Amino acid sequence: MPEVSDHGVRVSYDAVGEGRPLVLLHGWCCDRSWWTEPGYVDELRTDHRLINVDLRGHGASDKPHEPAAYTSDA
């Protein structure tokens, strides 16, 4: 599973499909499976390049313990 580093915090994502890019962001207390399990990714991937992200602190992304890691700037 691909990941990027944002100031030392690993952020995990999936990239699938072809076409216009579309970034999928889950809500609070969820992870990127919120988009895959109900079938949204399967439906959208035929027309879009989907970037499905686990936000920091969620899913397979790092979960820093410092409050400063969750500011709007971070």
PDB file of N, CA and C in Angstrom:
ATOM      1  N   MET A   1       0.849  -1.160   0.000  1.00  0.00           N
ATOM      2  CA  MET A   1       0.000   0.000   0.000  1.00  0.00           C
ATOM      3  C   MET A   1       0.898   1.227   0.000  1.00  0.00           C
ATOM      4  N   PRO A   2       0.690   2.156  -0.924  1.00  0.00           N
ATOM      5  CA  PRO A   2       1.550   3.338  -1.012  1.00  0.00           C
ATOM      6  C   PRO A   2       1.377   4.257   0.190  1.00  0.00           C
ATOM      7  N   GLU A   3       2.413   5.039   0.424  1.00  0.00           N
ATOM      8  CA  GLU A   3       2.340   6.021   1.497  1.00  0.00           C
ATOM      9  C   GLU A   3       3.266   7.180   1.176  1.00  0.00           C
ATOM     10  N   VAL A   4       2.987   8.315   1.766  1.00  0.00           N
ATOM     11  CA  VAL A   4       3.845   9.491   1.683  1.00  0.00           C
ATOM     12  C   VAL A   4       4.173   9.909   3.108  1.00  0.00           C
ATOM     13  N   SER A   5       5.206  10.722   3.253  1.00  0.00           N
ATOM     14  CA  SER A   5       5.566  11.225   4.574  1.00  0.00           C
ATOM     15  C   SER A   5       5.268  12.716   4.632  1.00  0.00           C
ATOM     16  N   ASP A   6       4.533  13.117   5.641  1.00  0.00           N
ATOM     17  CA  ASP A   6       4.189  14.521   5.856  1.00  0.00           C
ATOM     18  C   ASP A   6       4.799  14.942   7.187  1.00  0.00           C
ATOM     19  N   HIS A   7       5.949  15.615   7.134  1.00  0.00           N
ATOM     20  CA  HIS A   7       6.675  16.025   8.334  1.00  0.00           C
ATOM     21  C   HIS A   7       6.924  14.840   9.272  1.00  0.00           C
ATOM     22  N   GLY A   8       7.335  13.720   8.685  1.00  0.00           N
ATOM     23  CA  GLY A   8       7.662  12.541   9.468  1.00  0.00           C
ATOM     24  C   GLY A   8       6.483  11.648   9.822  1.00  0.00           C
ATOM     25  N   VAL A   9       5.278  12.007   9.419  1.00  0.00           N
ATOM     26  CA  VAL A   9       4.083  11.197   9.673  1.00  0.00           C
ATOM     27  C   VAL A   9       3.718  10.482   8.368  1.00  0.00           C
ATOM     28  N   ARG A  10       3.695   9.147   8.405  1.00  0.00           N
ATOM     29  CA  ARG A  10       3.321   8.363   7.220  1.00  0.00           C
ATOM     30  C   ARG A  10       1.821   8.458   6.983  1.00  0.00           C
ATOM     31  N   VAL A  11       1.453   8.813   5.757  1.00  0.00           N
ATOM     32  CA  VAL A  11       0.050   8.890   5.353  1.00  0.00           C
ATOM     33  C   VAL A  11      -0.152   7.849   4.260  1.00  0.00           C
ATOM     34  N   SER A  12      -1.049   6.912   4.503  1.00  0.00           N
ATOM     35  CA  SER A  12      -1.296   5.789   3.613  1.00  0.00           C
ATOM     36  C   SER A  12      -2.451   6.109   2.658  1.00  0.00           C
ATOM     37  N   TYR A  13      -2.352   5.593   1.420  1.00  0.00           N
ATOM     38  CA  TYR A  13      -3.405   5.840   0.439  1.00  0.00           C
ATOM     39  C   TYR A  13      -3.422   4.723  -0.594  1.00  0.00           C
ATOM     40  N   ASP A  14      -4.479   4.672  -1.378  1.00  0.00           N
ATOM     41  CA  ASP A  14      -4.575   3.816  -2.550  1.00  0.00           C
ATOM     42  C   ASP A  14      -4.827   4.722  -3.746  1.00  0.00           C
ATOM     43  N   ALA A  15      -4.327   4.344  -4.898  1.00  0.00           N
ATOM     44  CA  ALA A  15      -4.589   5.066  -6.141  1.00  0.00           C
ATOM     45  C   ALA A  15      -5.002   4.032  -7.183  1.00  0.00           C
ATOM     46  N   VAL A  16      -6.226   4.165  -7.692  1.00  0.00           N
ATOM     47  CA  VAL A  16      -6.759   3.204  -8.656  1.00  0.00           C
ATOM     48  C   VAL A  16      -7.569   3.939  -9.713  1.00  0.00           C
ATOM     49  N   GLY A  17      -7.801   3.272 -10.815  1.00  0.00           N
ATOM     50  CA  GLY A  17      -8.666   3.794 -11.854  1.00  0.00           C
ATOM     51  C   GLY A  17      -7.945   4.687 -12.845  1.00  0.00           C
ATOM     52  N   GLU A  18      -8.716   5.173 -13.815  1.00  0.00           N
ATOM     53  CA  GLU A  18      -8.204   6.053 -14.854  1.00  0.00           C
ATOM     54  C   GLU A  18      -9.228   7.130 -15.134  1.00  0.00           C
ATOM     55  N   GLY A  19      -8.727   8.282 -15.529  1.00  0.00           N
ATOM     56  CA  GLY A  19      -9.606   9.400 -15.849  1.00  0.00           C
ATOM     57  C   GLY A  19      -9.297  10.592 -14.971  1.00  0.00           C
ATOM     58  N   ARG A  20     -10.272  11.471 -14.838  1.00  0.00           N
ATOM     59  CA  ARG A  20     -10.096  12.669 -14.021  1.00  0.00           C
ATOM     60  C   ARG A  20      -9.819  12.282 -12.580  1.00  0.00           C
ATOM     61  N   PRO A  21      -8.837  12.935 -11.936  1.00  0.00           N
ATOM     62  CA  PRO A  21      -8.524  12.589 -10.543  1.00  0.00           C
ATOM     63  C   PRO A  21      -9.640  13.004  -9.588  1.00  0.00           C
ATOM     64  N   LEU A  22      -9.837  12.177  -8.579  1.00  0.00           N
ATOM     65  CA  LEU A  22     -10.825  12.440  -7.538  1.00  0.00           C
ATOM     66  C   LEU A  22     -10.240  11.945  -6.221  1.00  0.00           C
ATOM     67  N   VAL A  23     -10.106  12.849  -5.249  1.00  0.00           N
ATOM     68  CA  VAL A  23      -9.564  12.495  -3.940  1.00  0.00           C
ATOM     69  C   VAL A  23     -10.725  12.147  -3.016  1.00  0.00           C
ATOM     70  N   LEU A  24     -10.656  10.984  -2.385  1.00  0.00           N
ATOM     71  CA  LEU A  24     -11.690  10.520  -1.463  1.00  0.00           C
ATOM     72  C   LEU A  24     -11.176  10.675  -0.039  1.00  0.00           C
ATOM     73  N   LEU A  25     -11.875  11.449   0.766  1.00  0.00           N
ATOM     74  CA  LEU A  25     -11.512  11.661   2.167  1.00  0.00           C
ATOM     75  C   LEU A  25     -12.648  11.156   3.044  1.00  0.00           C
ATOM     76  N   HIS A  26     -12.313  10.335   4.008  1.00  0.00           N
ATOM     77  CA  HIS A  26     -13.305   9.783   4.921  1.00  0.00           C
ATOM     78  C   HIS A  26     -13.636  10.794   6.016  1.00  0.00           C
ATOM     79  N   GLY A  27     -14.703  10.560   6.744  1.00  0.00           N
ATOM     80  CA  GLY A  27     -15.089  11.393   7.874  1.00  0.00           C
ATOM     81  C   GLY A  27     -14.387  10.981   9.156  1.00  0.00           C
ATOM     82  N   TRP A  28     -14.708  11.659  10.216  1.00  0.00           N
ATOM     83  CA  TRP A  28     -14.113  11.412  11.524  1.00  0.00           C
ATOM     84  C   TRP A  28     -14.443   9.986  11.980  1.00  0.00           C
ATOM     85  N   CYS A  29     -13.507   9.345  12.635  1.00  0.00           N
ATOM     86  CA  CYS A  29     -13.671   7.986  13.186  1.00  0.00           C
ATOM     87  C   CYS A  29     -13.865   6.928  12.109  1.00  0.00           C
ATOM     88  N   CYS A  30     -13.385   7.175  10.910  1.00  0.00           N
ATOM     89  CA  CYS A  30     -13.468   6.200   9.819  1.00  0.00           C
ATOM     90  C   CYS A  30     -12.078   6.009   9.234  1.00  0.00           C
ATOM     91  N   ASP A  31     -12.006   5.231   8.174  1.00  0.00           N
ATOM     92  CA  ASP A  31     -10.783   5.111   7.390  1.00  0.00           C
ATOM     93  C   ASP A  31     -11.193   4.966   5.930  1.00  0.00           C
ATOM     94  N   ARG A  32     -10.213   4.716   5.051  1.00  0.00           N
ATOM     95  CA  ARG A  32     -10.546   4.709   3.620  1.00  0.00           C
ATOM     96  C   ARG A  32     -11.459   3.558   3.221  1.00  0.00           C
ATOM     97  N   SER A  33     -11.621   2.561   4.080  1.00  0.00           N
ATOM     98  CA  SER A  33     -12.569   1.485   3.760  1.00  0.00           C
ATOM     99  C   SER A  33     -14.003   2.007   3.703  1.00  0.00           C
ATOM    100  N   TRP A  34     -14.232   3.202   4.248  1.00  0.00           N
ATOM    101  CA  TRP A  34     -15.562   3.830   4.165  1.00  0.00           C
ATOM    102  C   TRP A  34     -15.989   3.987   2.716  1.00  0.00           C
ATOM    103  N   TRP A  35     -15.003   4.137   1.809  1.00  0.00           N
ATOM    104  CA  TRP A  35     -15.294   4.276   0.379  1.00  0.00           C
ATOM    105  C   TRP A  35     -15.259   2.939  -0.359  1.00  0.00           C
ATOM    106  N   THR A  36     -14.448   1.986   0.123  1.00  0.00           N
ATOM    107  CA  THR A  36     -14.309   0.725  -0.613  1.00  0.00           C
ATOM    108  C   THR A  36     -15.401  -0.281  -0.267  1.00  0.00           C
ATOM    109  N   GLU A  37     -15.694  -0.453   1.008  1.00  0.00           N
ATOM    110  CA  GLU A  37     -16.643  -1.504   1.421  1.00  0.00           C
ATOM    111  C   GLU A  37     -18.041  -1.348   0.824  1.00  0.00           C
ATOM    112  N   PRO A  38     -18.611  -0.129   0.771  1.00  0.00           N
ATOM    113  CA  PRO A  38     -19.946  -0.031   0.171  1.00  0.00           C
ATOM    114  C   PRO A  38     -19.939  -0.052  -1.359  1.00  0.00           C
ATOM    115  N   GLY A  39     -18.742  -0.075  -1.995  1.00  0.00           N
ATOM    116  CA  GLY A  39     -18.682  -0.193  -3.450  1.00  0.00           C
ATOM    117  C   GLY A  39     -18.473   1.105  -4.206  1.00  0.00           C
ATOM    118  N   TYR A  40     -18.275   2.230  -3.507  1.00  0.00           N
ATOM    119  CA  TYR A  40     -18.073   3.509  -4.196  1.00  0.00           C
ATOM    120  C   TYR A  40     -16.847   3.466  -5.106  1.00  0.00           C
ATOM    121  N   VAL A  41     -15.746   2.898  -4.614  1.00  0.00           N
ATOM    122  CA  VAL A  41     -14.512   2.844  -5.403  1.00  0.00           C
ATOM    123  C   VAL A  41     -14.738   2.029  -6.667  1.00  0.00           C
ATOM    124  N   ASP A  42     -15.387   0.897  -6.568  1.00  0.00           N
ATOM    125  CA  ASP A  42     -15.638   0.060  -7.751  1.00  0.00           C
ATOM    126  C   ASP A  42     -16.446   0.810  -8.805  1.00  0.00           C
ATOM    127  N   GLU A  43     -17.410   1.599  -8.378  1.00  0.00           N
ATOM    128  CA  GLU A  43     -18.248   2.349  -9.318  1.00  0.00           C
ATOM    129  C   GLU A  43     -17.510   3.539  -9.929  1.00  0.00           C
ATOM    130  N   LEU A  44     -16.733   4.244  -9.135  1.00  0.00           N
ATOM    131  CA  LEU A  44     -16.091   5.474  -9.593  1.00  0.00           C
ATOM    132  C   LEU A  44     -14.798   5.243 -10.371  1.00  0.00           C
ATOM    133  N   ARG A  45     -14.140   4.109 -10.168  1.00  0.00           N
ATOM    134  CA  ARG A  45     -12.821   3.891 -10.775  1.00  0.00           C
ATOM    135  C   ARG A  45     -12.877   3.745 -12.284  1.00  0.00           C
ATOM    136  N   THR A  46     -14.032   3.483 -12.862  1.00  0.00           N
ATOM    137  CA  THR A  46     -14.116   3.352 -14.320  1.00  0.00           C
ATOM    138  C   THR A  46     -13.966   4.696 -15.023  1.00  0.00           C
ATOM    139  N   ASP A  47     -14.319   5.784 -14.355  1.00  0.00           N
ATOM    140  CA  ASP A  47     -14.255   7.114 -14.972  1.00  0.00           C
ATOM    141  C   ASP A  47     -13.262   8.049 -14.300  1.00  0.00           C
ATOM    142  N   HIS A  48     -12.679   7.648 -13.168  1.00  0.00           N
ATOM    143  CA  HIS A  48     -11.817   8.555 -12.404  1.00  0.00           C
ATOM    144  C   HIS A  48     -10.555   7.848 -11.921  1.00  0.00           C
ATOM    145  N   ARG A  49      -9.509   8.631 -11.740  1.00  0.00           N
ATOM    146  CA  ARG A  49      -8.306   8.191 -11.034  1.00  0.00           C
ATOM    147  C   ARG A  49      -8.557   8.525  -9.573  1.00  0.00           C
ATOM    148  N   LEU A  50      -8.780   7.534  -8.738  1.00  0.00           N
ATOM    149  CA  LEU A  50      -9.155   7.745  -7.342  1.00  0.00           C
ATOM    150  C   LEU A  50      -7.930   7.710  -6.441  1.00  0.00           C
ATOM    151  N   ILE A  51      -7.812   8.704  -5.587  1.00  0.00           N
ATOM    152  CA  ILE A  51      -6.794   8.727  -4.548  1.00  0.00           C
ATOM    153  C   ILE A  51      -7.575   8.636  -3.239  1.00  0.00           C
ATOM    154  N   ASN A  52      -7.513   7.489  -2.596  1.00  0.00           N
ATOM    155  CA  ASN A  52      -8.301   7.190  -1.396  1.00  0.00           C
ATOM    156  C   ASN A  52      -7.354   7.204  -0.197  1.00  0.00           C
ATOM    157  N   VAL A  53      -7.480   8.205   0.659  1.00  0.00           N
ATOM    158  CA  VAL A  53      -6.498   8.510   1.702  1.00  0.00           C
ATOM    159  C   VAL A  53      -6.990   8.088   3.081  1.00  0.00           C
ATOM    160  N   ASP A  54      -6.083   7.504   3.876  1.00  0.00           N
ATOM    161  CA  ASP A  54      -6.300   7.359   5.318  1.00  0.00           C
ATOM    162  C   ASP A  54      -5.689   8.601   5.963  1.00  0.00           C
ATOM    163  N   LEU A  55      -6.491   9.493   6.475  1.00  0.00           N
ATOM    164  CA  LEU A  55      -5.968  10.694   7.111  1.00  0.00           C
ATOM    165  C   LEU A  55      -5.084  10.326   8.294  1.00  0.00           C
ATOM    166  N   ARG A  56      -4.168  11.210   8.673  1.00  0.00           N
ATOM    167  CA  ARG A  56      -3.294  10.924   9.824  1.00  0.00           C
ATOM    168  C   ARG A  56      -4.165  10.617  11.031  1.00  0.00           C
ATOM    169  N   GLY A  57      -3.742   9.606  11.780  1.00  0.00           N
ATOM    170  CA  GLY A  57      -4.501   9.177  12.944  1.00  0.00           C
ATOM    171  C   GLY A  57      -5.588   8.162  12.635  1.00  0.00           C
ATOM    172  N   HIS A  58      -5.698   7.734  11.382  1.00  0.00           N
ATOM    173  CA  HIS A  58      -6.759   6.814  10.971  1.00  0.00           C
ATOM    174  C   HIS A  58      -6.189   5.688  10.117  1.00  0.00           C
ATOM    175  N   GLY A  59      -6.868   4.549  10.129  1.00  0.00           N
ATOM    176  CA  GLY A  59      -6.521   3.426   9.263  1.00  0.00           C
ATOM    177  C   GLY A  59      -5.061   3.038   9.343  1.00  0.00           C
ATOM    178  N   ALA A  60      -4.416   2.893   8.170  1.00  0.00           N
ATOM    179  CA  ALA A  60      -3.029   2.455   8.101  1.00  0.00           C
ATOM    180  C   ALA A  60      -2.027   3.605   8.222  1.00  0.00           C
ATOM    181  N   SER A  61      -2.496   4.840   8.331  1.00  0.00           N
ATOM    182  CA  SER A  61      -1.598   5.988   8.506  1.00  0.00           C
ATOM    183  C   SER A  61      -1.101   6.051   9.946  1.00  0.00           C
ATOM    184  N   ASP A  62       0.023   6.774  10.132  1.00  0.00           N
ATOM    185  CA  ASP A  62       0.559   6.937  11.484  1.00  0.00           C
ATOM    186  C   ASP A  62      -0.436   7.651  12.387  1.00  0.00           C
ATOM    187  N   LYS A  63      -0.315   7.363  13.683  1.00  0.00           N
ATOM    188  CA  LYS A  63      -1.190   7.937  14.699  1.00  0.00           C
ATOM    189  C   LYS A  63      -0.343   8.627  15.769  1.00  0.00           C
ATOM    190  N   PRO A  64       0.160   9.845  15.460  1.00  0.00           N
ATOM    191  CA  PRO A  64       1.006  10.536  16.437  1.00  0.00           C
ATOM    192  C   PRO A  64       0.236  10.827  17.725  1.00  0.00           C
ATOM    193  N   HIS A  65       0.958  10.866  18.828  1.00  0.00           N
ATOM    194  CA  HIS A  65       0.325  11.125  20.127  1.00  0.00           C
ATOM    195  C   HIS A  65       0.379  12.585  20.526  1.00  0.00           C
ATOM    196  N   GLU A  66       1.179  13.402  19.831  1.00  0.00           N
ATOM    197  CA  GLU A  66       1.308  14.821  20.182  1.00  0.00           C
ATOM    198  C   GLU A  66       0.123  15.594  19.582  1.00  0.00           C
ATOM    199  N   PRO A  67      -0.571  16.409  20.397  1.00  0.00           N
ATOM    200  CA  PRO A  67      -1.689  17.210  19.881  1.00  0.00           C
ATOM    201  C   PRO A  67      -1.286  18.122  18.714  1.00  0.00           C
ATOM    202  N   ALA A  68      -0.048  18.602  18.714  1.00  0.00           N
ATOM    203  CA  ALA A  68       0.396  19.507  17.643  1.00  0.00           C
ATOM    204  C   ALA A  68       0.384  18.818  16.267  1.00  0.00           C
ATOM    205  N   ALA A  69       0.380  17.497  16.247  1.00  0.00           N
ATOM    206  CA  ALA A  69       0.361  16.758  14.974  1.00  0.00           C
ATOM    207  C   ALA A  69      -0.994  16.812  14.297  1.00  0.00           C
ATOM    208  N   TYR A  70      -1.993  17.373  14.971  1.00  0.00           N
ATOM    209  CA  TYR A  70      -3.355  17.398  14.434  1.00  0.00           C
ATOM    210  C   TYR A  70      -3.899  18.815  14.249  1.00  0.00           C
ATOM    211  N   THR A  71      -3.029  19.809  14.177  1.00  0.00           N
ATOM    212  CA  THR A  71      -3.489  21.175  13.944  1.00  0.00           C
ATOM    213  C   THR A  71      -3.911  21.314  12.488  1.00  0.00           C
ATOM    214  N   SER A  72      -4.619  22.362  12.155  1.00  0.00           N
ATOM    215  CA  SER A  72      -5.052  22.565  10.765  1.00  0.00           C
ATOM    216  C   SER A  72      -3.852  22.749   9.831  1.00  0.00           C
ATOM    217  N   ASP A  73      -2.762  23.323  10.332  1.00  0.00           N
ATOM    218  CA  ASP A  73      -1.560  23.459   9.498  1.00  0.00           C
ATOM    219  C   ASP A  73      -0.955  22.097   9.185  1.00  0.00           C
ATOM    220  N   ALA A  74      -1.027  21.173  10.121  1.00  0.00           N
ATOM    221  CA  ALA A  74      -0.462  19.840   9.915  1.00  0.00           C
ATOM    222  C   ALA A  74      -1.333  19.070   8.951  1.00  0.00           C
TER     223      ALA A  74
END
